[in-house]
Amino acid sequence: MRDILPIQVQYEPTKPDHDRRLVILTFALCGGVAGILLAAITAYFVRRRSTSREKLHNITQPDTEASQDYQDLCRQRMASKANEKPEPVHTVNSPKKIRSLSQEGQASSSSHSSTSSW
């Protein structure tokens, strides 16, 4: 059997300047893409921060029209409450009723148990 040796090919550039230009072009393109990506990310975060600052600024300075509407609504509510008849508080009329209720509880204690029967 014959020994089969792999063929080794030596790379010899035909134009050495051509390879150098390709390397420089590759690095320039990668740098350009990275720069554009970095600029886009920076613009996103700057915009996000400015909108959040604007929201906080709007919160700290109240809207006069909205607060005026709220005050008018509170005045209307208070005026309607003043016109309404107040609900009566449930009170016990007399001490006799209290005594009768306590006596009923003692008299019927045998008929009512604290535990239910199943």
N, C-alpha and C. Protein backbone atom coordinates (compact mmCIF):
# COMPACT_ATOMS: atom_id res chain seq x y z
N MET A 1 0.82 -1.17 0.00
CA MET A 1 0.00 0.00 0.00
C MET A 1 0.87 1.25 0.00
N ARG A 2 0.29 2.16 -0.64
CA ARG A 2 1.04 3.41 -0.69
C ARG A 2 0.66 4.30 0.48
N ASP A 3 1.58 4.99 0.96
CA ASP A 3 1.30 5.96 2.02
C ASP A 3 0.75 7.21 1.36
N ILE A 4 -0.46 7.57 1.83
CA ILE A 4 -1.09 8.77 1.28
C ILE A 4 -0.82 9.91 2.25
N LEU A 5 -0.11 10.84 1.78
CA LEU A 5 0.20 12.01 2.59
C LEU A 5 -0.72 13.14 2.19
N PRO A 6 -1.20 13.88 3.20
CA PRO A 6 -2.05 15.01 2.84
C PRO A 6 -1.22 16.05 2.10
N ILE A 7 -1.89 16.64 1.17
CA ILE A 7 -1.23 17.66 0.38
C ILE A 7 -1.25 18.95 1.18
N GLN A 8 -0.12 19.53 1.33
CA GLN A 8 -0.02 20.79 2.06
C GLN A 8 0.12 21.91 1.06
N VAL A 9 -0.76 22.89 1.25
CA VAL A 9 -0.75 24.03 0.35
C VAL A 9 -0.23 25.23 1.13
N GLN A 10 0.67 25.87 0.60
CA GLN A 10 1.22 27.07 1.21
C GLN A 10 0.44 28.27 0.68
N TYR A 11 0.03 29.15 1.60
CA TYR A 11 -0.71 30.34 1.20
C TYR A 11 0.28 31.45 0.90
N GLU A 12 0.23 31.87 -0.28
CA GLU A 12 1.08 32.98 -0.67
C GLU A 12 0.20 34.04 -1.31
N PRO A 13 0.01 35.16 -0.62
CA PRO A 13 -0.85 36.17 -1.21
C PRO A 13 -0.24 36.71 -2.50
N THR A 14 -1.15 36.90 -3.43
CA THR A 14 -0.68 37.43 -4.70
C THR A 14 -0.43 38.92 -4.59
N LYS A 15 -1.29 39.55 -3.77
CA LYS A 15 -1.14 41.00 -3.57
C LYS A 15 -1.15 41.26 -2.06
N PRO A 16 -0.03 41.47 -1.43
CA PRO A 16 0.00 41.69 0.01
C PRO A 16 -0.76 42.94 0.44
N ASP A 17 -0.83 43.95 -0.37
CA ASP A 17 -1.59 45.16 -0.02
C ASP A 17 -3.09 44.88 0.05
N HIS A 18 -3.56 43.92 -0.75
CA HIS A 18 -4.98 43.58 -0.79
C HIS A 18 -5.44 43.02 0.57
N ASP A 19 -4.67 42.14 1.19
CA ASP A 19 -5.01 41.57 2.49
C ASP A 19 -5.03 42.64 3.58
N ARG A 20 -4.09 43.52 3.55
CA ARG A 20 -4.04 44.59 4.54
C ARG A 20 -5.25 45.50 4.42
N ARG A 21 -5.67 45.77 3.21
CA ARG A 21 -6.85 46.61 2.99
C ARG A 21 -8.11 45.93 3.51
N LEU A 22 -8.22 44.62 3.30
CA LEU A 22 -9.39 43.88 3.81
C LEU A 22 -9.45 43.91 5.33
N VAL A 23 -8.33 43.78 5.99
CA VAL A 23 -8.30 43.82 7.45
C VAL A 23 -8.71 45.21 7.94
N ILE A 24 -8.17 46.23 7.32
CA ILE A 24 -8.52 47.60 7.71
C ILE A 24 -10.00 47.88 7.45
N LEU A 25 -10.52 47.41 6.31
CA LEU A 25 -11.93 47.60 5.98
C LEU A 25 -12.84 46.87 6.98
N THR A 26 -12.45 45.66 7.36
CA THR A 26 -13.23 44.88 8.33
C THR A 26 -13.28 45.60 9.67
N PHE A 27 -12.15 46.07 10.16
CA PHE A 27 -12.14 46.79 11.43
C PHE A 27 -12.93 48.10 11.35
N ALA A 28 -12.86 48.77 10.22
CA ALA A 28 -13.60 50.02 10.06
C ALA A 28 -15.11 49.76 10.07
N LEU A 29 -15.55 48.69 9.39
CA LEU A 29 -16.98 48.37 9.39
C LEU A 29 -17.47 47.96 10.78
N CYS A 30 -16.69 47.14 11.46
CA CYS A 30 -17.08 46.72 12.82
C CYS A 30 -17.12 47.93 13.76
N GLY A 31 -16.16 48.82 13.62
CA GLY A 31 -16.16 50.03 14.45
C GLY A 31 -17.34 50.93 14.15
N GLY A 32 -17.70 51.04 12.88
CA GLY A 32 -18.87 51.85 12.50
C GLY A 32 -20.17 51.29 13.05
N VAL A 33 -20.33 49.96 12.93
CA VAL A 33 -21.54 49.31 13.46
C VAL A 33 -21.60 49.47 14.97
N ALA A 34 -20.48 49.28 15.65
CA ALA A 34 -20.45 49.45 17.11
C ALA A 34 -20.76 50.89 17.50
N GLY A 35 -20.25 51.85 16.75
CA GLY A 35 -20.52 53.27 17.03
C GLY A 35 -21.99 53.60 16.86
N ILE A 36 -22.60 53.10 15.78
CA ILE A 36 -24.02 53.34 15.55
C ILE A 36 -24.86 52.70 16.65
N LEU A 37 -24.51 51.48 17.04
CA LEU A 37 -25.24 50.79 18.11
C LEU A 37 -25.10 51.54 19.43
N LEU A 38 -23.91 52.00 19.73
CA LEU A 38 -23.68 52.75 20.97
C LEU A 38 -24.45 54.07 20.97
N ALA A 39 -24.50 54.74 19.82
CA ALA A 39 -25.24 56.00 19.72
C ALA A 39 -26.74 55.76 19.90
N ALA A 40 -27.26 54.67 19.33
CA ALA A 40 -28.68 54.36 19.47
C ALA A 40 -29.04 54.05 20.92
N ILE A 41 -28.20 53.29 21.60
CA ILE A 41 -28.46 52.96 23.01
C ILE A 41 -28.40 54.22 23.87
N THR A 42 -27.42 55.07 23.62
CA THR A 42 -27.29 56.32 24.37
C THR A 42 -28.50 57.22 24.15
N ALA A 43 -28.95 57.33 22.89
CA ALA A 43 -30.13 58.16 22.59
C ALA A 43 -31.37 57.61 23.30
N TYR A 44 -31.51 56.29 23.36
CA TYR A 44 -32.66 55.68 24.04
C TYR A 44 -32.67 56.05 25.52
N PHE A 45 -31.52 55.90 26.17
CA PHE A 45 -31.48 56.19 27.61
C PHE A 45 -31.63 57.69 27.91
N VAL A 46 -31.09 58.54 27.07
CA VAL A 46 -31.26 59.98 27.26
C VAL A 46 -32.72 60.36 27.12
N ARG A 47 -33.38 59.81 26.12
CA ARG A 47 -34.80 60.11 25.90
C ARG A 47 -35.65 59.59 27.05
N ARG A 48 -35.34 58.38 27.51
CA ARG A 48 -36.09 57.79 28.62
C ARG A 48 -35.93 58.63 29.89
N ARG A 49 -34.72 59.11 30.13
CA ARG A 49 -34.49 59.92 31.32
C ARG A 49 -35.22 61.26 31.23
N SER A 50 -35.23 61.86 30.05
CA SER A 50 -35.89 63.16 29.90
C SER A 50 -37.41 63.03 30.07
N THR A 51 -37.99 61.93 29.58
CA THR A 51 -39.44 61.76 29.77
C THR A 51 -39.77 61.50 31.23
N SER A 52 -38.92 60.75 31.95
CA SER A 52 -39.20 60.52 33.36
C SER A 52 -39.03 61.81 34.17
N ARG A 53 -38.06 62.65 33.80
CA ARG A 53 -37.90 63.94 34.49
C ARG A 53 -39.11 64.84 34.22
N GLU A 54 -39.61 64.79 32.99
CA GLU A 54 -40.78 65.62 32.66
C GLU A 54 -42.00 65.17 33.44
N LYS A 55 -42.16 63.85 33.59
CA LYS A 55 -43.29 63.34 34.38
C LYS A 55 -43.17 63.78 35.83
N LEU A 56 -41.97 63.68 36.40
CA LEU A 56 -41.78 64.11 37.79
C LEU A 56 -42.02 65.60 37.93
N HIS A 57 -41.61 66.37 36.96
CA HIS A 57 -41.82 67.81 37.00
C HIS A 57 -43.32 68.13 36.98
N ASN A 58 -44.08 67.38 36.16
CA ASN A 58 -45.53 67.61 36.09
C ASN A 58 -46.22 67.20 37.38
N ILE A 59 -45.67 66.22 38.07
CA ILE A 59 -46.28 65.79 39.33
C ILE A 59 -46.07 66.84 40.42
N THR A 60 -44.87 67.42 40.45
CA THR A 60 -44.57 68.36 41.53
C THR A 60 -45.31 69.69 41.36
N GLN A 61 -45.63 70.07 40.14
CA GLN A 61 -46.39 71.30 39.91
C GLN A 61 -47.83 70.92 39.56
N PRO A 62 -48.76 71.13 40.49
CA PRO A 62 -50.12 70.69 40.26
C PRO A 62 -50.79 71.47 39.13
N ASP A 63 -51.67 70.78 38.47
CA ASP A 63 -52.46 71.40 37.40
C ASP A 63 -53.55 72.23 38.07
N THR A 64 -53.57 73.52 37.81
CA THR A 64 -54.52 74.40 38.50
C THR A 64 -55.95 74.10 38.09
N GLU A 65 -56.15 73.73 36.84
CA GLU A 65 -57.52 73.42 36.38
C GLU A 65 -58.05 72.17 37.06
N ALA A 66 -57.24 71.14 37.16
CA ALA A 66 -57.68 69.90 37.80
C ALA A 66 -57.93 70.11 39.29
N SER A 67 -57.06 70.85 39.96
CA SER A 67 -57.26 71.08 41.39
C SER A 67 -58.49 71.96 41.62
N GLN A 68 -58.75 72.89 40.72
CA GLN A 68 -59.95 73.73 40.83
C GLN A 68 -61.21 72.87 40.67
N ASP A 69 -61.18 71.93 39.71
CA ASP A 69 -62.32 71.03 39.52
C ASP A 69 -62.54 70.18 40.76
N TYR A 70 -61.45 69.70 41.36
CA TYR A 70 -61.56 68.88 42.56
C TYR A 70 -62.16 69.68 43.72
N GLN A 71 -61.73 70.91 43.88
CA GLN A 71 -62.28 71.75 44.94
C GLN A 71 -63.77 72.01 44.72
N ASP A 72 -64.17 72.25 43.46
CA ASP A 72 -65.59 72.45 43.17
C ASP A 72 -66.39 71.20 43.50
N LEU A 73 -65.84 70.04 43.18
CA LEU A 73 -66.52 68.79 43.47
C LEU A 73 -66.69 68.60 44.97
N CYS A 74 -65.66 68.94 45.76
CA CYS A 74 -65.76 68.84 47.21
C CYS A 74 -66.81 69.79 47.76
N ARG A 75 -66.87 71.00 47.22
CA ARG A 75 -67.88 71.96 47.67
C ARG A 75 -69.29 71.46 47.38
N GLN A 76 -69.48 70.89 46.19
CA GLN A 76 -70.81 70.35 45.84
C GLN A 76 -71.18 69.21 46.77
N ARG A 77 -70.24 68.35 47.08
CA ARG A 77 -70.51 67.22 47.96
C ARG A 77 -70.88 67.70 49.36
N MET A 78 -70.15 68.67 49.87
CA MET A 78 -70.45 69.20 51.21
C MET A 78 -71.80 69.91 51.23
N ALA A 79 -72.13 70.60 50.15
CA ALA A 79 -73.42 71.28 50.09
C ALA A 79 -74.55 70.27 50.05
N SER A 80 -74.37 69.17 49.35
CA SER A 80 -75.43 68.16 49.29
C SER A 80 -75.56 67.44 50.63
N LYS A 81 -74.44 67.26 51.36
CA LYS A 81 -74.51 66.65 52.68
C LYS A 81 -75.24 67.55 53.66
N ALA A 82 -75.05 68.85 53.54
CA ALA A 82 -75.71 69.78 54.45
C ALA A 82 -77.22 69.78 54.22
N ASN A 83 -77.66 69.54 52.99
CA ASN A 83 -79.09 69.51 52.69
C ASN A 83 -79.75 68.20 53.06
N GLU A 84 -78.97 67.13 53.19
CA GLU A 84 -79.54 65.83 53.53
C GLU A 84 -79.94 65.79 55.00
N LYS A 85 -80.92 64.95 55.29
CA LYS A 85 -81.37 64.76 56.67
C LYS A 85 -80.42 63.76 57.34
N PRO A 86 -79.88 64.10 58.47
CA PRO A 86 -78.96 63.17 59.13
C PRO A 86 -79.69 61.91 59.60
N GLU A 87 -79.03 60.78 59.52
CA GLU A 87 -79.63 59.53 59.96
C GLU A 87 -79.71 59.51 61.48
N PRO A 88 -80.82 59.01 62.03
CA PRO A 88 -80.93 58.95 63.49
C PRO A 88 -80.03 57.86 64.05
N VAL A 89 -79.51 58.13 65.21
CA VAL A 89 -78.66 57.16 65.89
C VAL A 89 -79.59 56.24 66.66
N HIS A 90 -79.35 54.95 66.60
CA HIS A 90 -80.19 53.98 67.31
C HIS A 90 -79.91 54.06 68.80
N THR A 91 -80.93 54.42 69.56
CA THR A 91 -80.77 54.56 71.00
C THR A 91 -81.83 53.74 71.69
N VAL A 92 -81.57 53.42 72.91
CA VAL A 92 -82.54 52.70 73.74
C VAL A 92 -83.45 53.75 74.38
N ASN A 93 -84.74 53.54 74.30
CA ASN A 93 -85.70 54.54 74.77
C ASN A 93 -85.70 54.72 76.28
N SER A 94 -85.73 53.64 77.00
CA SER A 94 -85.86 53.80 78.45
C SER A 94 -85.12 52.68 79.18
N PRO A 95 -84.87 52.89 80.47
CA PRO A 95 -84.22 51.84 81.26
C PRO A 95 -85.11 50.61 81.43
N LYS A 96 -86.46 50.79 81.34
CA LYS A 96 -87.38 49.65 81.47
C LYS A 96 -87.11 48.64 80.37
N LYS A 97 -86.84 49.14 79.18
CA LYS A 97 -86.59 48.25 78.05
C LYS A 97 -85.30 47.46 78.28
N ILE A 98 -84.30 48.10 78.88
CA ILE A 98 -83.05 47.40 79.16
C ILE A 98 -83.29 46.29 80.16
N ARG A 99 -84.09 46.60 81.22
CA ARG A 99 -84.38 45.58 82.23
C ARG A 99 -85.17 44.43 81.63
N SER A 100 -86.13 44.76 80.78
CA SER A 100 -86.95 43.69 80.21
C SER A 100 -86.11 42.81 79.28
N LEU A 101 -85.17 43.41 78.58
CA LEU A 101 -84.31 42.61 77.71
C LEU A 101 -83.40 41.72 78.53
N SER A 102 -82.89 42.23 79.65
CA SER A 102 -82.01 41.40 80.47
C SER A 102 -82.79 40.29 81.15
N GLN A 103 -84.05 40.54 81.52
CA GLN A 103 -84.87 39.50 82.14
C GLN A 103 -85.25 38.43 81.12
N GLU A 104 -85.49 38.84 79.89
CA GLU A 104 -85.80 37.87 78.86
C GLU A 104 -84.62 36.93 78.64
N GLY A 105 -83.42 37.46 78.71
CA GLY A 105 -82.23 36.64 78.51
C GLY A 105 -82.08 35.62 79.63
N GLN A 106 -82.43 35.99 80.85
CA GLN A 106 -82.32 35.06 81.98
C GLN A 106 -83.43 34.02 81.92
N ALA A 107 -84.63 34.43 81.55
CA ALA A 107 -85.76 33.52 81.54
C ALA A 107 -85.62 32.48 80.43
N SER A 108 -85.11 32.86 79.33
CA SER A 108 -85.07 31.94 78.20
C SER A 108 -83.70 31.28 78.05
N SER A 109 -82.88 31.36 79.08
CA SER A 109 -81.55 30.76 78.97
C SER A 109 -81.62 29.25 78.85
N SER A 110 -82.66 28.64 79.41
CA SER A 110 -82.78 27.19 79.31
C SER A 110 -83.20 26.76 77.91
N SER A 111 -83.98 27.61 77.23
CA SER A 111 -84.43 27.23 75.89
C SER A 111 -83.36 27.48 74.84
N HIS A 112 -82.45 28.39 75.13
CA HIS A 112 -81.39 28.68 74.19
C HIS A 112 -80.07 28.17 74.75
N SER A 113 -79.40 27.44 73.98
CA SER A 113 -78.12 26.91 74.43
C SER A 113 -77.00 27.61 73.64
N SER A 114 -75.83 27.63 74.22
CA SER A 114 -74.73 28.27 73.54
C SER A 114 -74.17 27.39 72.42
N THR A 115 -74.49 26.12 72.52
CA THR A 115 -74.06 25.21 71.44
C THR A 115 -75.27 24.76 70.65
N SER A 116 -75.09 24.64 69.38
CA SER A 116 -76.23 24.21 68.56
C SER A 116 -76.35 22.70 68.60
N SER A 117 -77.54 22.22 68.46
CA SER A 117 -77.76 20.76 68.45
C SER A 117 -77.83 20.31 67.01
N TRP A 118 -77.15 19.27 66.75
CA TRP A 118 -77.09 18.79 65.38
C TRP A 118 -78.05 17.69 65.22
